[in-house]
Protein backbone atom coordinates (compact mmCIF):
# COMPACT_ATOMS: atom_id res chain seq x y z
CA UNK A 1 -15.03 20.77 -33.73
CA UNK A 2 -15.47 23.96 -31.78
CA UNK A 3 -16.00 26.90 -34.12
CA UNK A 4 -13.92 29.96 -33.43
CA UNK A 5 -13.20 33.13 -35.33
CA UNK A 6 -10.00 34.65 -36.60
CA UNK A 7 -7.33 33.61 -39.02
CA UNK A 8 -6.23 29.97 -39.04
CA UNK A 9 -3.14 29.22 -36.97
CA UNK A 10 -0.29 27.03 -38.13
CA UNK A 11 -1.81 24.22 -36.07
CA UNK A 12 -5.15 24.69 -37.85
CA UNK A 13 -3.50 24.51 -41.26
CA UNK A 14 -1.43 21.44 -40.40
CA UNK A 15 -4.44 19.66 -38.90
CA UNK A 16 -6.52 20.40 -42.01
CA UNK A 17 -3.74 18.99 -44.17
CA UNK A 18 -3.49 15.86 -42.05
CA UNK A 19 -7.28 15.39 -42.24
CA UNK A 20 -7.26 15.88 -46.01
CA UNK A 21 -4.47 13.36 -46.51
CA UNK A 22 -6.23 10.79 -44.29
CA UNK A 23 -9.53 11.32 -46.13
CA UNK A 24 -7.88 10.79 -49.52
CA UNK A 25 -6.14 7.67 -48.18
CA UNK A 26 -9.55 6.26 -47.13
CA UNK A 27 -10.97 6.89 -50.61
CA UNK A 28 -7.90 5.34 -52.22
CA UNK A 29 -8.35 2.25 -50.02
CA UNK A 30 -12.04 2.05 -50.91
CA UNK A 31 -13.09 2.68 -47.30
CA UNK A 32 -16.32 4.61 -47.61
CA UNK A 33 -18.81 5.49 -44.86
CA UNK A 34 -16.02 6.63 -42.57
CA UNK A 35 -14.82 10.01 -41.30
CA UNK A 36 -11.42 11.17 -40.13
CA UNK A 37 -10.98 12.33 -36.54
CA UNK A 38 -8.22 13.13 -34.11
CA UNK A 39 -7.66 11.10 -30.94
CA UNK A 40 -4.84 12.51 -28.89
CA UNK A 41 -2.33 13.42 -31.59
CA UNK A 42 -3.27 10.59 -33.99
CA UNK A 43 -5.52 10.84 -37.05
CA UNK A 44 -7.97 7.93 -37.06
CA UNK A 45 -10.94 6.85 -39.14
CA UNK A 46 -14.30 6.27 -37.54
CA UNK A 47 -17.38 4.57 -39.03
CA UNK A 48 -20.08 7.20 -39.66
CA UNK A 49 -22.67 4.87 -38.10
CA UNK A 50 -20.78 5.21 -34.79
CA UNK A 51 -21.12 9.01 -34.74
CA UNK A 52 -24.32 9.96 -36.58
CA UNK A 53 -26.81 11.45 -34.14
CA UNK A 54 -24.32 11.70 -31.31
CA UNK A 55 -23.16 14.96 -29.76
CA UNK A 56 -19.93 15.54 -27.88
CA UNK A 57 -20.31 18.40 -25.42
CA UNK A 58 -17.69 20.75 -24.08
CA UNK A 59 -16.96 20.55 -20.37
CA UNK A 60 -18.60 23.70 -18.92
CA UNK A 61 -15.66 24.31 -16.56
CA UNK A 62 -13.22 24.35 -19.51
CA UNK A 63 -15.57 26.67 -21.40
CA UNK A 64 -15.65 29.08 -18.46
CA UNK A 65 -11.84 29.07 -18.24
CA UNK A 66 -11.62 29.80 -21.97
CA UNK A 67 -13.93 32.80 -21.63
CA UNK A 68 -11.53 34.29 -19.08
CA UNK A 69 -8.75 34.25 -21.66
CA UNK A 70 -10.66 34.79 -24.89
CA UNK A 71 -13.79 36.69 -23.86
């Protein structure tokens, strides 16, 4: 997740709803120790042990392009 300011967009609200539904589905299925994530346009569940302590970095070139548009 890349933190940004401002009011949530429609995409932000829909994504949050999709994440919430997927998280509740995991609990309902008794699948604990997992987190929801997005891969492409699909909501998936990932074991926490696979992600704890890992960091996904932002490509510096993409960050520089974003600063041109968003400051």
